[in-house]
C-alpha atoms as a PDB file:
ATOM      1  CA  UNK A   1      -5.403 -32.593 -14.366  1.00  0.00           C
ATOM      2  CA  UNK A   2      -2.379 -30.788 -12.579  1.00  0.00           C
ATOM      3  CA  UNK A   3      -3.144 -27.391 -13.436  1.00  0.00           C
ATOM      4  CA  UNK A   4      -6.459 -27.218 -11.622  1.00  0.00           C
ATOM      5  CA  UNK A   5      -5.487 -27.355  -8.060  1.00  0.00           C
ATOM      6  CA  UNK A   6      -2.608 -25.276  -8.813  1.00  0.00           C
ATOM      7  CA  UNK A   7      -5.200 -22.636  -9.939  1.00  0.00           C
ATOM      8  CA  UNK A   8      -7.562 -23.293  -6.561  1.00  0.00           C
ATOM      9  CA  UNK A   9      -4.193 -23.209  -4.336  1.00  0.00           C
ATOM     10  CA  UNK A  10      -3.246 -20.001  -6.395  1.00  0.00           C
ATOM     11  CA  UNK A  11      -6.597 -17.946  -5.736  1.00  0.00           C
ATOM     12  CA  UNK A  12      -6.959 -19.499  -2.198  1.00  0.00           C
ATOM     13  CA  UNK A  13      -3.206 -17.675  -1.760  1.00  0.00           C
ATOM     14  CA  UNK A  14      -4.128 -14.832  -3.392  1.00  0.00           C
ATOM     15  CA  UNK A  15      -7.388 -14.263  -1.232  1.00  0.00           C
ATOM     16  CA  UNK A  16      -5.399 -14.899   1.904  1.00  0.00           C
ATOM     17  CA  UNK A  17      -2.851 -12.074   1.183  1.00  0.00           C
ATOM     18  CA  UNK A  18      -3.611  -8.915   3.521  1.00  0.00           C
ATOM     19  CA  UNK A  19      -4.816  -5.968   1.450  1.00  0.00           C
ATOM     20  CA  UNK A  20      -3.860  -2.633   2.652  1.00  0.00           C
ATOM     21  CA  UNK A  21      -5.577   0.613   2.652  1.00  0.00           C
ATOM     22  CA  UNK A  22      -5.014   2.705  -0.345  1.00  0.00           C
ATOM     23  CA  UNK A  23      -6.337   5.815  -1.629  1.00  0.00           C
ATOM     24  CA  UNK A  24      -9.628   5.177  -3.050  1.00  0.00           C
ATOM     25  CA  UNK A  25      -9.739   1.838  -0.857  1.00  0.00           C
ATOM     26  CA  UNK A  26     -11.918   1.320   2.247  1.00  0.00           C
ATOM     27  CA  UNK A  27     -10.825   1.613   6.096  1.00  0.00           C
ATOM     28  CA  UNK A  28     -11.610  -1.799   7.036  1.00  0.00           C
ATOM     29  CA  UNK A  29      -7.907  -2.441   6.047  1.00  0.00           C
ATOM     30  CA  UNK A  30      -6.073   0.466   7.727  1.00  0.00           C
ATOM     31  CA  UNK A  31      -5.051  -1.581  10.600  1.00  0.00           C
ATOM     32  CA  UNK A  32      -2.921  -3.510   8.458  1.00  0.00           C
ATOM     33  CA  UNK A  33      -1.280  -0.549   7.443  1.00  0.00           C
ATOM     34  CA  UNK A  34       0.044  -0.406  10.470  1.00  0.00           C
ATOM     35  CA  UNK A  35       1.692  -3.933  10.272  1.00  0.00           C
ATOM     36  CA  UNK A  36       2.779  -3.029   6.516  1.00  0.00           C
ATOM     37  CA  UNK A  37       4.944   0.324   7.515  1.00  0.00           C
ATOM     38  CA  UNK A  38       5.754  -1.042  10.643  1.00  0.00           C
ATOM     39  CA  UNK A  39       4.291   1.821  12.591  1.00  0.00           C
ATOM     40  CA  UNK A  40       2.214   2.758  15.671  1.00  0.00           C
ATOM     41  CA  UNK A  41      -1.319   4.054  14.500  1.00  0.00           C
ATOM     42  CA  UNK A  42      -3.795   6.517  16.077  1.00  0.00           C
ATOM     43  CA  UNK A  43      -7.085   7.525  14.771  1.00  0.00           C
ATOM     44  CA  UNK A  44      -8.036  11.144  15.347  1.00  0.00           C
ATOM     45  CA  UNK A  45     -12.027  11.166  14.720  1.00  0.00           C
ATOM     46  CA  UNK A  46     -13.044  14.835  13.008  1.00  0.00           C
ATOM     47  CA  UNK A  47     -16.115  16.029  11.779  1.00  0.00           C
ATOM     48  CA  UNK A  48     -16.377  15.220   8.452  1.00  0.00           C
ATOM     49  CA  UNK A  49     -14.160  12.332   8.431  1.00  0.00           C
ATOM     50  CA  UNK A  50     -11.558  10.029  10.370  1.00  0.00           C
ATOM     51  CA  UNK A  51      -7.737  10.682  10.384  1.00  0.00           C
ATOM     52  CA  UNK A  52      -5.550   7.726  10.838  1.00  0.00           C
ATOM     53  CA  UNK A  53      -1.875   8.485  11.701  1.00  0.00           C
ATOM     54  CA  UNK A  54       1.177   6.084  11.742  1.00  0.00           C
ATOM     55  CA  UNK A  55       4.635   6.711  13.192  1.00  0.00           C
ATOM     56  CA  UNK A  56       7.206   4.899  11.646  1.00  0.00           C
ATOM     57  CA  UNK A  57      10.470   4.351  14.051  1.00  0.00           C
ATOM     58  CA  UNK A  58      12.347   6.557  11.889  1.00  0.00           C
ATOM     59  CA  UNK A  59      10.066   9.368  12.698  1.00  0.00           C
ATOM     60  CA  UNK A  60       8.242   9.412   9.310  1.00  0.00           C
ATOM     61  CA  UNK A  61       4.361  10.401   9.848  1.00  0.00           C
ATOM     62  CA  UNK A  62       1.720   8.413   7.213  1.00  0.00           C
ATOM     63  CA  UNK A  63      -1.575  10.151   7.327  1.00  0.00           C
ATOM     64  CA  UNK A  64      -4.981   8.281   5.763  1.00  0.00           C
ATOM     65  CA  UNK A  65      -8.291  10.452   5.496  1.00  0.00           C
ATOM     66  CA  UNK A  66     -11.056   8.365   5.725  1.00  0.00           C
ATOM     67  CA  UNK A  67     -14.660   9.523   5.018  1.00  0.00           C
ATOM     68  CA  UNK A  68     -17.634   8.295   7.338  1.00  0.00           C
ATOM     69  CA  UNK A  69     -18.764   5.978   4.171  1.00  0.00           C
ATOM     70  CA  UNK A  70     -15.335   3.989   4.591  1.00  0.00           C
ATOM     71  CA  UNK A  71     -13.655   5.355   1.465  1.00  0.00           C
ATOM     72  CA  UNK A  72      -9.861   6.457   1.614  1.00  0.00           C
ATOM     73  CA  UNK A  73      -9.948  10.030   0.406  1.00  0.00           C
ATOM     74  CA  UNK A  74      -6.531  11.095   0.779  1.00  0.00           C
ATOM     75  CA  UNK A  75      -2.819  10.159   2.210  1.00  0.00           C
ATOM     76  CA  UNK A  76      -0.356  12.232   3.131  1.00  0.00           C
ATOM     77  CA  UNK A  77       3.489  11.835   4.455  1.00  0.00           C
ATOM     78  CA  UNK A  78       6.517  13.486   5.875  1.00  0.00           C
ATOM     79  CA  UNK A  79       9.520  12.371   7.172  1.00  0.00           C
ATOM     80  CA  UNK A  80      13.342  11.375   6.294  1.00  0.00           C
ATOM     81  CA  UNK A  81      12.158   8.565   4.483  1.00  0.00           C
ATOM     82  CA  UNK A  82       9.710   7.727   1.275  1.00  0.00           C
ATOM     83  CA  UNK A  83       7.229   5.824   1.811  1.00  0.00           C
ATOM     84  CA  UNK A  84       5.823   2.814  -0.490  1.00  0.00           C
ATOM     85  CA  UNK A  85       3.914   5.269  -3.246  1.00  0.00           C
ATOM     86  CA  UNK A  86       2.672   1.754  -4.377  1.00  0.00           C
ATOM     87  CA  UNK A  87       0.735   1.071  -1.257  1.00  0.00           C
ATOM     88  CA  UNK A  88      -0.139   4.459  -0.426  1.00  0.00           C
ATOM     89  CA  UNK A  89      -1.763   5.269  -3.944  1.00  0.00           C
ATOM     90  CA  UNK A  90      -3.060   1.576  -4.590  1.00  0.00           C
ATOM     91  CA  UNK A  91      -4.720   1.259  -7.560  1.00  0.00           C
ATOM     92  CA  UNK A  92      -3.803   4.681  -8.762  1.00  0.00           C
ATOM     93  CA  UNK A  93      -0.263   4.063  -8.806  1.00  0.00           C
ATOM     94  CA  UNK A  94       0.068   3.344 -12.252  1.00  0.00           C
ATOM     95  CA  UNK A  95      -1.990   6.492 -13.132  1.00  0.00           C
ATOM     96  CA  UNK A  96       0.680   8.496 -11.349  1.00  0.00           C
ATOM     97  CA  UNK A  97       3.763   6.930 -12.919  1.00  0.00           C
ATOM     98  CA  UNK A  98       2.351   7.078 -16.706  1.00  0.00           C
ATOM     99  CA  UNK A  99       1.517  10.664 -15.868  1.00  0.00           C
ATOM    100  CA  UNK A 100       5.135  11.596 -14.645  1.00  0.00           C
ATOM    101  CA  UNK A 101       6.536   9.361 -17.660  1.00  0.00           C
ATOM    102  CA  UNK A 102       4.741  11.869 -20.110  1.00  0.00           C
ATOM    103  CA  UNK A 103       6.097  15.211 -18.226  1.00  0.00           C
ATOM    104  CA  UNK A 104       9.660  15.049 -18.485  1.00  0.00           C
ATOM    105  CA  UNK A 105      12.260  17.120 -16.450  1.00  0.00           C
ATOM    106  CA  UNK A 106      10.273  16.563 -12.724  1.00  0.00           C
ATOM    107  CA  UNK A 107      13.295  15.390 -10.841  1.00  0.00           C
ATOM    108  CA  UNK A 108      12.906  17.167  -7.475  1.00  0.00           C
ATOM    109  CA  UNK A 109       8.809  17.241  -7.551  1.00  0.00           C
ATOM    110  CA  UNK A 110       6.695  14.581  -8.613  1.00  0.00           C
ATOM    111  CA  UNK A 111       3.367  16.410  -9.362  1.00  0.00           C
ATOM    112  CA  UNK A 112      -0.065  15.046 -10.707  1.00  0.00           C
ATOM    113  CA  UNK A 113      -3.193  17.111 -11.391  1.00  0.00           C
ATOM    114  CA  UNK A 114      -5.460  14.849 -13.577  1.00  0.00           C
ATOM    115  CA  UNK A 115      -9.225  15.231 -13.019  1.00  0.00           C
ATOM    116  CA  UNK A 116      -9.670  13.601 -10.277  1.00  0.00           C
ATOM    117  CA  UNK A 117      -6.228  11.840  -8.936  1.00  0.00           C
ATOM    118  CA  UNK A 118      -3.696  15.092  -7.435  1.00  0.00           C
ATOM    119  CA  UNK A 119      -0.681  13.956  -6.086  1.00  0.00           C
ATOM    120  CA  UNK A 120       2.293  16.082  -4.816  1.00  0.00           C
ATOM    121  CA  UNK A 121       5.529  14.701  -3.375  1.00  0.00           C
ATOM    122  CA  UNK A 122       8.470  16.622  -3.156  1.00  0.00           C
ATOM    123  CA  UNK A 123      11.684  16.171  -0.998  1.00  0.00           C
ATOM    124  CA  UNK A 124      15.739  15.068  -0.644  1.00  0.00           C
ATOM    125  CA  UNK A 125      17.734  12.722   1.121  1.00  0.00           C
ATOM    126  CA  UNK A 126      15.866  12.974   4.892  1.00  0.00           C
ATOM    127  CA  UNK A 127      13.364  15.460   4.007  1.00  0.00           C
ATOM    128  CA  UNK A 128      10.568  13.761   1.983  1.00  0.00           C
ATOM    129  CA  UNK A 129       6.975  15.195   1.916  1.00  0.00           C
ATOM    130  CA  UNK A 130       3.595  14.663  -0.249  1.00  0.00           C
ATOM    131  CA  UNK A 131       0.113  14.126  -0.570  1.00  0.00           C
ATOM    132  CA  UNK A 132      -2.634  12.491  -2.695  1.00  0.00           C
ATOM    133  CA  UNK A 133      -6.349  12.864  -2.802  1.00  0.00           C
ATOM    134  CA  UNK A 134      -9.124  12.203  -5.096  1.00  0.00           C
ATOM    135  CA  UNK A 135     -11.538  15.355  -5.565  1.00  0.00           C
ATOM    136  CA  UNK A 136     -14.400  12.560  -6.668  1.00  0.00           C
ATOM    137  CA  UNK A 137     -14.104  11.068  -2.746  1.00  0.00           C
ATOM    138  CA  UNK A 138     -13.562  14.213  -0.817  1.00  0.00           C
ATOM    139  CA  UNK A 139     -16.830  14.223   1.802  1.00  0.00           C
ATOM    140  CA  UNK A 140     -18.974  17.282   1.328  1.00  0.00           C
ATOM    141  CA  UNK A 141     -17.695  20.542   2.828  1.00  0.00           C
ATOM    142  CA  UNK A 142     -14.131  18.894   2.917  1.00  0.00           C
ATOM    143  CA  UNK A 143     -11.636  20.696   0.694  1.00  0.00           C
ATOM    144  CA  UNK A 144      -8.199  19.411  -0.203  1.00  0.00           C
ATOM    145  CA  UNK A 145      -6.316  21.493   2.078  1.00  0.00           C
ATOM    146  CA  UNK A 146      -7.375  19.200   4.945  1.00  0.00           C
ATOM    147  CA  UNK A 147      -4.752  16.722   3.219  1.00  0.00           C
ATOM    148  CA  UNK A 148      -1.682  17.632   4.678  1.00  0.00           C
END
């Protein structure tokens, strides 16, 4: 009897949690990232995609590349602190971690190049940078090189 209201409350609570834009996610929640990253955001329209740039107080620049069908196909980061990669990679974070664990000896650079997911991250104290994209979500005519 007590469990049923608890389950309903848990489901409502989970539904109320903000969903953040992440690689492979939708553009609908990009605005929430502004709060999550404690950053100012600007949107740069492009011919084949939209670019959302987040600038944090510490100087970290985070970019989210969104196709016109509303999917985040790429993310990048550069700055003195490493952003929350689980946030940026979303559901792809587990694949990123698992692939890295199977490749020993990668301390300075984290590189994953699977059939769809590509993540390149490197840096050191006060100078981190990287990018990630999904080949399957790249808009027509857009190459991976735009994700910088």
